[in-house]
Amino acid sequence: PSRITNAELLGQYMQDAAKEFGAGTPYGSTLITV
């Protein structure tokens, strides 16, 4: 089976964090992009 990579997991964590911090904030929107 296909296994998630570390970079994909990091990206998922960043996007989940952005939801907590607020996607409309400078930090949150940048986390979503990165």
Full PDB file with SEQRES, HELIX, SHEET, SSBOND, CRYST1, ORIGX, SCALE, CONECT and MASTER records, all heavy atoms in Angstrom:
SEQRES   1 A   34  PRO SER ARG ILE THR ASN ALA GLU LEU LEU GLY GLN TYR          
SEQRES   2 A   34  MET GLN ASP ALA ALA LYS GLU PHE GLY ALA GLY THR PRO          
SEQRES   3 A   34  TYR GLY SER THR LEU ILE THR VAL                              
HELIX    1 AA1 ASN A    6  PHE A   21  1                                  16    
HELIX    2 AA2 PRO A   26  THR A   33  1                                   8    
CRYST1    1.000    1.000    1.000  90.00  90.00  90.00 P 1           1          
ORIGX1      1.000000  0.000000  0.000000        0.00000                         
ORIGX2      0.000000  1.000000  0.000000        0.00000                         
ORIGX3      0.000000  0.000000  1.000000        0.00000                         
SCALE1      1.000000  0.000000  0.000000        0.00000                         
SCALE2      0.000000  1.000000  0.000000        0.00000                         
SCALE3      0.000000  0.000000  1.000000        0.00000                         
ATOM      1  N   PRO A   1       0.822  -1.217   0.000  1.00  0.00           N  
ATOM      2  CA  PRO A   1       0.000   0.000   0.000  1.00  0.00           C  
ATOM      3  C   PRO A   1       0.851   1.259   0.000  1.00  0.00           C  
ATOM      4  O   PRO A   1       1.980   1.267   0.494  1.00  0.00           O  
ATOM      5  CB  PRO A   1      -0.795  -0.130   1.316  1.00  0.00           C  
ATOM      6  CG  PRO A   1       0.049  -1.009   2.185  1.00  0.00           C  
ATOM      7  CD  PRO A   1       0.719  -1.973   1.250  1.00  0.00           C  
ATOM      8  N   SER A   2       0.290   2.312  -0.592  1.00  0.00           N  
ATOM      9  CA  SER A   2       1.005   3.593  -0.636  1.00  0.00           C  
ATOM     10  C   SER A   2       1.104   4.167   0.775  1.00  0.00           C  
ATOM     11  O   SER A   2       0.139   4.134   1.548  1.00  0.00           O  
ATOM     12  CB  SER A   2       0.263   4.563  -1.563  1.00  0.00           C  
ATOM     13  OG  SER A   2       0.904   5.814  -1.595  1.00  0.00           O  
ATOM     14  N   ARG A   3       2.288   4.678   1.114  1.00  0.00           N  
ATOM     15  CA  ARG A   3       2.534   5.181   2.469  1.00  0.00           C  
ATOM     16  C   ARG A   3       2.816   6.684   2.407  1.00  0.00           C  
ATOM     17  O   ARG A   3       3.548   7.151   1.544  1.00  0.00           O  
ATOM     18  CB  ARG A   3       3.713   4.439   3.099  1.00  0.00           C  
ATOM     19  CG  ARG A   3       3.930   4.750   4.563  1.00  0.00           C  
ATOM     20  CD  ARG A   3       5.032   3.878   5.153  1.00  0.00           C  
ATOM     21  NE  ARG A   3       4.623   2.483   5.186  1.00  0.00           N  
ATOM     22  CZ  ARG A   3       5.094   1.551   4.370  1.00  0.00           C  
ATOM     23  NH1 ARG A   3       5.989   1.866   3.455  1.00  0.00           N  
ATOM     24  NH2 ARG A   3       4.680   0.309   4.456  1.00  0.00           N  
ATOM     25  N   ILE A   4       2.237   7.449   3.335  1.00  0.00           N  
ATOM     26  CA  ILE A   4       2.421   8.890   3.355  1.00  0.00           C  
ATOM     27  C   ILE A   4       3.869   9.217   3.678  1.00  0.00           C  
ATOM     28  O   ILE A   4       4.510   8.552   4.502  1.00  0.00           O  
ATOM     29  CB  ILE A   4       1.457   9.542   4.382  1.00  0.00           C  
ATOM     30  CG1 ILE A   4       1.503  11.068   4.264  1.00  0.00           C  
ATOM     31  CG2 ILE A   4       1.799   9.102   5.794  1.00  0.00           C  
ATOM     32  CD1 ILE A   4       0.425  11.763   5.073  1.00  0.00           C  
ATOM     33  N   THR A   5       4.420  10.231   3.025  1.00  0.00           N  
ATOM     34  CA  THR A   5       5.801  10.628   3.256  1.00  0.00           C  
ATOM     35  C   THR A   5       5.873  11.653   4.388  1.00  0.00           C  
ATOM     36  O   THR A   5       4.856  12.223   4.801  1.00  0.00           O  
ATOM     37  CB  THR A   5       6.421  11.242   1.990  1.00  0.00           C  
ATOM     38  OG1 THR A   5       5.709  12.447   1.650  1.00  0.00           O  
ATOM     39  CG2 THR A   5       6.341  10.267   0.821  1.00  0.00           C  
ATOM     40  N   ASN A   6       7.071  11.887   4.893  1.00  0.00           N  
ATOM     41  CA  ASN A   6       7.254  12.861   5.973  1.00  0.00           C  
ATOM     42  C   ASN A   6       6.865  14.267   5.539  1.00  0.00           C  
ATOM     43  O   ASN A   6       6.316  15.038   6.322  1.00  0.00           O  
ATOM     44  CB  ASN A   6       8.712  12.837   6.448  1.00  0.00           C  
ATOM     45  CG  ASN A   6       9.068  11.563   7.183  1.00  0.00           C  
ATOM     46  OD1 ASN A   6       8.224  10.952   7.822  1.00  0.00           O  
ATOM     47  ND2 ASN A   6      10.316  11.141   7.087  1.00  0.00           N  
ATOM     48  N   ALA A   7       7.180  14.630   4.288  1.00  0.00           N  
ATOM     49  CA  ALA A   7       6.826  15.960   3.798  1.00  0.00           C  
ATOM     50  C   ALA A   7       5.310  16.128   3.723  1.00  0.00           C  
ATOM     51  O   ALA A   7       4.765  17.193   4.059  1.00  0.00           O  
ATOM     52  CB  ALA A   7       7.466  16.200   2.425  1.00  0.00           C  
ATOM     53  N   GLU A   8       4.625  15.090   3.269  1.00  0.00           N  
ATOM     54  CA  GLU A   8       3.161  15.159   3.212  1.00  0.00           C  
ATOM     55  C   GLU A   8       2.579  15.285   4.613  1.00  0.00           C  
ATOM     56  O   GLU A   8       1.611  16.037   4.837  1.00  0.00           O  
ATOM     57  CB  GLU A   8       2.607  13.916   2.519  1.00  0.00           C  
ATOM     58  CG  GLU A   8       2.878  13.878   1.019  1.00  0.00           C  
ATOM     59  CD  GLU A   8       2.421  12.584   0.387  1.00  0.00           C  
ATOM     60  OE1 GLU A   8       2.808  11.509   0.891  1.00  0.00           O  
ATOM     61  OE2 GLU A   8       1.683  12.640  -0.617  1.00  0.00           O  
ATOM     62  N   LEU A   9       3.143  14.559   5.560  1.00  0.00           N  
ATOM     63  CA  LEU A   9       2.665  14.645   6.940  1.00  0.00           C  
ATOM     64  C   LEU A   9       2.907  16.038   7.515  1.00  0.00           C  
ATOM     65  O   LEU A   9       2.046  16.595   8.203  1.00  0.00           O  
ATOM     66  CB  LEU A   9       3.365  13.585   7.786  1.00  0.00           C  
ATOM     67  CG  LEU A   9       2.866  13.427   9.230  1.00  0.00           C  
ATOM     68  CD1 LEU A   9       1.389  13.041   9.243  1.00  0.00           C  
ATOM     69  CD2 LEU A   9       3.687  12.373   9.967  1.00  0.00           C  
ATOM     70  N   LEU A  10       4.084  16.617   7.219  1.00  0.00           N  
ATOM     71  CA  LEU A  10       4.377  17.974   7.674  1.00  0.00           C  
ATOM     72  C   LEU A  10       3.386  18.963   7.077  1.00  0.00           C  
ATOM     73  O   LEU A  10       2.886  19.852   7.770  1.00  0.00           O  
ATOM     74  CB  LEU A  10       5.809  18.355   7.270  1.00  0.00           C  
ATOM     75  CG  LEU A  10       6.225  19.801   7.548  1.00  0.00           C  
ATOM     76  CD1 LEU A  10       6.138  20.122   9.033  1.00  0.00           C  
ATOM     77  CD2 LEU A  10       7.633  20.064   7.017  1.00  0.00           C  
ATOM     78  N   GLY A  11       3.109  18.815   5.779  1.00  0.00           N  
ATOM     79  CA  GLY A  11       2.134  19.700   5.137  1.00  0.00           C  
ATOM     80  C   GLY A  11       0.759  19.589   5.770  1.00  0.00           C  
ATOM     81  O   GLY A  11       0.063  20.604   5.964  1.00  0.00           O  
ATOM     82  N   GLN A  12       0.345  18.371   6.119  1.00  0.00           N  
ATOM     83  CA  GLN A  12      -0.947  18.175   6.766  1.00  0.00           C  
ATOM     84  C   GLN A  12      -0.978  18.854   8.132  1.00  0.00           C  
ATOM     85  O   GLN A  12      -1.962  19.503   8.495  1.00  0.00           O  
ATOM     86  CB  GLN A  12      -1.226  16.683   6.909  1.00  0.00           C  
ATOM     87  CG  GLN A  12      -2.604  16.352   7.493  1.00  0.00           C  
ATOM     88  CD  GLN A  12      -3.724  16.846   6.608  1.00  0.00           C  
ATOM     89  OE1 GLN A  12      -3.755  16.554   5.420  1.00  0.00           O  
ATOM     90  NE2 GLN A  12      -4.638  17.621   7.182  1.00  0.00           N  
ATOM     91  N   TYR A  13       0.111  18.721   8.898  1.00  0.00           N  
ATOM     92  CA  TYR A  13       0.189  19.374  10.210  1.00  0.00           C  
ATOM     93  C   TYR A  13       0.095  20.894  10.069  1.00  0.00           C  
ATOM     94  O   TYR A  13      -0.575  21.564  10.864  1.00  0.00           O  
ATOM     95  CB  TYR A  13       1.497  19.002  10.912  1.00  0.00           C  
ATOM     96  CG  TYR A  13       1.530  17.595  11.469  1.00  0.00           C  
ATOM     97  CD1 TYR A  13       2.729  17.033  11.903  1.00  0.00           C  
ATOM     98  CD2 TYR A  13       0.379  16.828  11.569  1.00  0.00           C  
ATOM     99  CE1 TYR A  13       2.771  15.740  12.416  1.00  0.00           C  
ATOM    100  CE2 TYR A  13       0.412  15.545  12.084  1.00  0.00           C  
ATOM    101  CZ  TYR A  13       1.606  15.001  12.500  1.00  0.00           C  
ATOM    102  OH  TYR A  13       1.655  13.727  13.005  1.00  0.00           O  
ATOM    103  N   MET A  14       0.791  21.446   9.078  1.00  0.00           N  
ATOM    104  CA  MET A  14       0.758  22.898   8.869  1.00  0.00           C  
ATOM    105  C   MET A  14      -0.654  23.376   8.549  1.00  0.00           C  
ATOM    106  O   MET A  14      -1.112  24.392   9.083  1.00  0.00           O  
ATOM    107  CB  MET A  14       1.720  23.281   7.744  1.00  0.00           C  
ATOM    108  CG  MET A  14       3.184  23.198   8.113  1.00  0.00           C  
ATOM    109  SD  MET A  14       4.246  23.740   6.743  1.00  0.00           S  
ATOM    110  CE  MET A  14       5.842  23.759   7.551  1.00  0.00           C  
ATOM    111  N   GLN A  15      -1.328  22.654   7.688  1.00  0.00           N  
ATOM    112  CA  GLN A  15      -2.679  23.070   7.315  1.00  0.00           C  
ATOM    113  C   GLN A  15      -3.660  22.902   8.467  1.00  0.00           C  
ATOM    114  O   GLN A  15      -4.571  23.716   8.644  1.00  0.00           O  
ATOM    115  CB  GLN A  15      -3.127  22.290   6.084  1.00  0.00           C  
ATOM    116  CG  GLN A  15      -2.331  22.644   4.833  1.00  0.00           C  
ATOM    117  CD  GLN A  15      -2.784  21.895   3.603  1.00  0.00           C  
ATOM    118  OE1 GLN A  15      -3.302  20.787   3.700  1.00  0.00           O  
ATOM    119  NE2 GLN A  15      -2.584  22.486   2.438  1.00  0.00           N  
ATOM    120  N   ASP A  16      -3.466  21.845   9.268  1.00  0.00           N  
ATOM    121  CA  ASP A  16      -4.319  21.684  10.452  1.00  0.00           C  
ATOM    122  C   ASP A  16      -4.054  22.798  11.464  1.00  0.00           C  
ATOM    123  O   ASP A  16      -4.987  23.302  12.108  1.00  0.00           O  
ATOM    124  CB  ASP A  16      -4.059  20.319  11.104  1.00  0.00           C  
ATOM    125  CG  ASP A  16      -4.559  19.164  10.244  1.00  0.00           C  
ATOM    126  OD1 ASP A  16      -5.361  19.419   9.313  1.00  0.00           O  
ATOM    127  OD2 ASP A  16      -4.137  18.012  10.490  1.00  0.00           O  
ATOM    128  N   ALA A  17      -2.785  23.189  11.619  1.00  0.00           N  
ATOM    129  CA  ALA A  17      -2.452  24.280  12.537  1.00  0.00           C  
ATOM    130  C   ALA A  17      -3.076  25.591  12.072  1.00  0.00           C  
ATOM    131  O   ALA A  17      -3.528  26.402  12.889  1.00  0.00           O  
ATOM    132  CB  ALA A  17      -0.938  24.419  12.645  1.00  0.00           C  
ATOM    133  N   ALA A  18      -3.104  25.800  10.748  1.00  0.00           N  
ATOM    134  CA  ALA A  18      -3.678  27.037  10.208  1.00  0.00           C  
ATOM    135  C   ALA A  18      -5.162  27.161  10.566  1.00  0.00           C  
ATOM    136  O   ALA A  18      -5.660  28.264  10.808  1.00  0.00           O  
ATOM    137  CB  ALA A  18      -3.498  27.067   8.690  1.00  0.00           C  
ATOM    138  N   LYS A  19      -5.854  26.026  10.612  1.00  0.00           N  
ATOM    139  CA  LYS A  19      -7.271  26.072  10.987  1.00  0.00           C  
ATOM    140  C   LYS A  19      -7.431  26.528  12.429  1.00  0.00           C  
ATOM    141  O   LYS A  19      -8.391  27.230  12.763  1.00  0.00           O  
ATOM    142  CB  LYS A  19      -7.895  24.690  10.798  1.00  0.00           C  
ATOM    143  CG  LYS A  19      -7.919  24.213   9.354  1.00  0.00           C  
ATOM    144  CD  LYS A  19      -8.472  22.799   9.249  1.00  0.00           C  
ATOM    145  CE  LYS A  19      -8.404  22.281   7.814  1.00  0.00           C  
ATOM    146  NZ  LYS A  19      -8.899  20.873   7.710  1.00  0.00           N  
ATOM    147  N   GLU A  20      -6.482  26.122  13.300  1.00  0.00           N  
ATOM    148  CA  GLU A  20      -6.543  26.522  14.702  1.00  0.00           C  
ATOM    149  C   GLU A  20      -6.172  27.994  14.880  1.00  0.00           C  
ATOM    150  O   GLU A  20      -6.785  28.705  15.678  1.00  0.00           O  
ATOM    151  CB  GLU A  20      -5.596  25.639  15.528  1.00  0.00           C  
ATOM    152  CG  GLU A  20      -5.955  24.163  15.563  1.00  0.00           C  
ATOM    153  CD  GLU A  20      -7.208  23.890  16.380  1.00  0.00           C  
ATOM    154  OE1 GLU A  20      -7.517  24.700  17.292  1.00  0.00           O  
ATOM    155  OE2 GLU A  20      -7.878  22.871  16.104  1.00  0.00           O  
ATOM    156  N   PHE A  21      -5.141  28.443  14.159  1.00  0.00           N  
ATOM    157  CA  PHE A  21      -4.677  29.821  14.314  1.00  0.00           C  
ATOM    158  C   PHE A  21      -5.565  30.819  13.583  1.00  0.00           C  
ATOM    159  O   PHE A  21      -5.554  32.007  13.887  1.00  0.00           O  
ATOM    160  CB  PHE A  21      -3.240  29.958  13.792  1.00  0.00           C  
ATOM    161  CG  PHE A  21      -2.254  29.089  14.512  1.00  0.00           C  
ATOM    162  CD1 PHE A  21      -1.154  28.570  13.861  1.00  0.00           C  
ATOM    163  CD2 PHE A  21      -2.423  28.774  15.852  1.00  0.00           C  
ATOM    164  CE1 PHE A  21      -0.237  27.764  14.518  1.00  0.00           C  
ATOM    165  CE2 PHE A  21      -1.520  27.971  16.520  1.00  0.00           C  
ATOM    166  CZ  PHE A  21      -0.426  27.456  15.850  1.00  0.00           C  
ATOM    167  N   GLY A  22      -6.291  30.342  12.591  1.00  0.00           N  
ATOM    168  CA  GLY A  22      -7.121  31.227  11.782  1.00  0.00           C  
ATOM    169  C   GLY A  22      -6.535  31.387  10.390  1.00  0.00           C  
ATOM    170  O   GLY A  22      -5.431  31.922  10.244  1.00  0.00           O  
ATOM    171  N   ALA A  23      -7.272  30.898   9.393  1.00  0.00           N  
ATOM    172  CA  ALA A  23      -6.764  30.956   8.021  1.00  0.00           C  
ATOM    173  C   ALA A  23      -6.633  32.382   7.519  1.00  0.00           C  
ATOM    174  O   ALA A  23      -5.896  32.637   6.563  1.00  0.00           O  
ATOM    175  CB  ALA A  23      -7.670  30.149   7.088  1.00  0.00           C  
ATOM    176  N   GLY A  24      -7.344  33.325   8.143  1.00  0.00           N  
ATOM    177  CA  GLY A  24      -7.282  34.707   7.697  1.00  0.00           C  
ATOM    178  C   GLY A  24      -6.126  35.494   8.273  1.00  0.00           C  
ATOM    179  O   GLY A  24      -5.843  36.605   7.817  1.00  0.00           O  
ATOM    180  N   THR A  25      -5.420  34.930   9.259  1.00  0.00           N  
ATOM    181  CA  THR A  25      -4.272  35.625   9.837  1.00  0.00           C  
ATOM    182  C   THR A  25      -3.060  35.466   8.929  1.00  0.00           C  
ATOM    183  O   THR A  25      -2.991  34.509   8.143  1.00  0.00           O  
ATOM    184  CB  THR A  25      -3.943  35.067  11.233  1.00  0.00           C  
ATOM    185  OG1 THR A  25      -3.547  33.688  11.095  1.00  0.00           O  
ATOM    186  CG2 THR A  25      -5.168  35.145  12.144  1.00  0.00           C  
ATOM    187  N   PRO A  26      -2.078  36.388   9.031  1.00  0.00           N  
ATOM    188  CA  PRO A  26      -0.874  36.254   8.190  1.00  0.00           C  
ATOM    189  C   PRO A  26      -0.173  34.911   8.390  1.00  0.00           C  
ATOM    190  O   PRO A  26       0.230  34.270   7.424  1.00  0.00           O  
ATOM    191  CB  PRO A  26       0.004  37.429   8.642  1.00  0.00           C  
ATOM    192  CG  PRO A  26      -0.956  38.441   9.165  1.00  0.00           C  
ATOM    193  CD  PRO A  26      -2.059  37.658   9.799  1.00  0.00           C  
ATOM    194  N   TYR A  27      -0.058  34.495   9.653  1.00  0.00           N  
ATOM    195  CA  TYR A  27       0.636  33.230   9.931  1.00  0.00           C  
ATOM    196  C   TYR A  27      -0.170  32.038   9.410  1.00  0.00           C  
ATOM    197  O   TYR A  27       0.364  31.121   8.785  1.00  0.00           O  
ATOM    198  CB  TYR A  27       0.860  33.105  11.435  1.00  0.00           C  
ATOM    199  CG  TYR A  27       1.676  31.907  11.849  1.00  0.00           C  
ATOM    200  CD1 TYR A  27       2.711  31.422  11.051  1.00  0.00           C  
ATOM    201  CD2 TYR A  27       1.413  31.244  13.055  1.00  0.00           C  
ATOM    202  CE1 TYR A  27       3.471  30.324  11.439  1.00  0.00           C  
ATOM    203  CE2 TYR A  27       2.169  30.138  13.445  1.00  0.00           C  
ATOM    204  CZ  TYR A  27       3.194  29.689  12.623  1.00  0.00           C  
ATOM    205  OH  TYR A  27       3.931  28.601  13.001  1.00  0.00           O  
ATOM    206  N   GLY A  28      -1.492  32.085   9.648  1.00  0.00           N  
ATOM    207  CA  GLY A  28      -2.340  30.978   9.220  1.00  0.00           C  
ATOM    208  C   GLY A  28      -2.372  30.813   7.712  1.00  0.00           C  
ATOM    209  O   GLY A  28      -2.265  29.695   7.188  1.00  0.00           O  
ATOM    210  N   SER A  29      -2.511  31.920   6.992  1.00  0.00           N  
ATOM    211  CA  SER A  29      -2.564  31.833   5.526  1.00  0.00           C  
ATOM    212  C   SER A  29      -1.238  31.341   4.953  1.00  0.00           C  
ATOM    213  O   SER A  29      -1.206  30.581   3.975  1.00  0.00           O  
ATOM    214  CB  SER A  29      -2.920  33.202   4.935  1.00  0.00           C  
ATOM    215  OG  SER A  29      -1.917  34.168   5.262  1.00  0.00           O  
ATOM    216  N   THR A  30      -0.124  31.754   5.587  1.00  0.00           N  
ATOM    217  CA  THR A  30       1.186  31.293   5.118  1.00  0.00           C  
ATOM    218  C   THR A  30       1.366  29.807   5.407  1.00  0.00           C  
ATOM    219  O   THR A  30       1.930  29.065   4.596  1.00  0.00           O  
ATOM    220  CB  THR A  30       2.304  32.095   5.792  1.00  0.00           C  
ATOM    221  OG1 THR A  30       2.105  33.494   5.536  1.00  0.00           O  
ATOM    222  CG2 THR A  30       3.674  31.695   5.238  1.00  0.00           C  
ATOM    223  N   LEU A  31       0.882  29.350   6.568  1.00  0.00           N  
ATOM    224  CA  LEU A  31       0.945  27.923   6.872  1.00  0.00           C  
ATOM    225  C   LEU A  31       0.180  27.107   5.838  1.00  0.00           C  
ATOM    226  O   LEU A  31       0.627  26.023   5.431  1.00  0.00           O  
ATOM    227  CB  LEU A  31       0.373  27.659   8.271  1.00  0.00           C  
ATOM    228  CG  LEU A  31       1.303  27.897   9.463  1.00  0.00           C  
ATOM    229  CD1 LEU A  31       0.533  27.763  10.766  1.00  0.00           C  
ATOM    230  CD2 LEU A  31       2.486  26.931   9.437  1.00  0.00           C  
ATOM    231  N   ILE A  32      -0.955  27.600   5.411  1.00  0.00           N  
ATOM    232  CA  ILE A  32      -1.736  26.885   4.398  1.00  0.00           C  
ATOM    233  C   ILE A  32      -0.950  26.779   3.099  1.00  0.00           C  
ATOM    234  O   ILE A  32      -0.870  25.714   2.479  1.00  0.00           O  
ATOM    235  CB  ILE A  32      -3.089  27.595   4.164  1.00  0.00           C  
ATOM    236  CG1 ILE A  32      -3.973  27.449   5.401  1.00  0.00           C  
ATOM    237  CG2 ILE A  32      -3.783  27.032   2.932  1.00  0.00           C  
ATOM    238  CD1 ILE A  32      -5.288  28.186   5.308  1.00  0.00           C  
ATOM    239  N   THR A  33      -0.345  27.900   2.702  1.00  0.00           N  
ATOM    240  CA  THR A  33       0.422  27.903   1.442  1.00  0.00           C  
ATOM    241  C   THR A  33       1.621  26.966   1.521  1.00  0.00           C  
ATOM    242  O   THR A  33       1.829  26.121   0.643  1.00  0.00           O  
ATOM    243  CB  THR A  33       0.901  29.328   1.127  1.00  0.00           C  
ATOM    244  OG1 THR A  33      -0.232  30.201   1.020  1.00  0.00           O  
ATOM    245  CG2 THR A  33       1.686  29.367  -0.178  1.00  0.00           C  
ATOM    246  N   VAL A  34       2.420  27.119   2.588  1.00  0.00           N  
ATOM    247  CA  VAL A  34       3.613  26.280   2.727  1.00  0.00           C  
ATOM    248  C   VAL A  34       3.211  24.813   2.881  1.00  0.00           C  
ATOM    249  O   VAL A  34       3.858  23.915   2.321  1.00  0.00           O  
ATOM    250  CB  VAL A  34       4.463  26.738   3.927  1.00  0.00           C  
ATOM    251  CG1 VAL A  34       5.657  25.815   4.131  1.00  0.00           C  
ATOM    252  CG2 VAL A  34       4.948  28.175   3.711  1.00  0.00           C  
TER     253      VAL A  34                                                      
MASTER        0    0    0    2    0    0    0    6  252    1    0    3          
END                                                                             
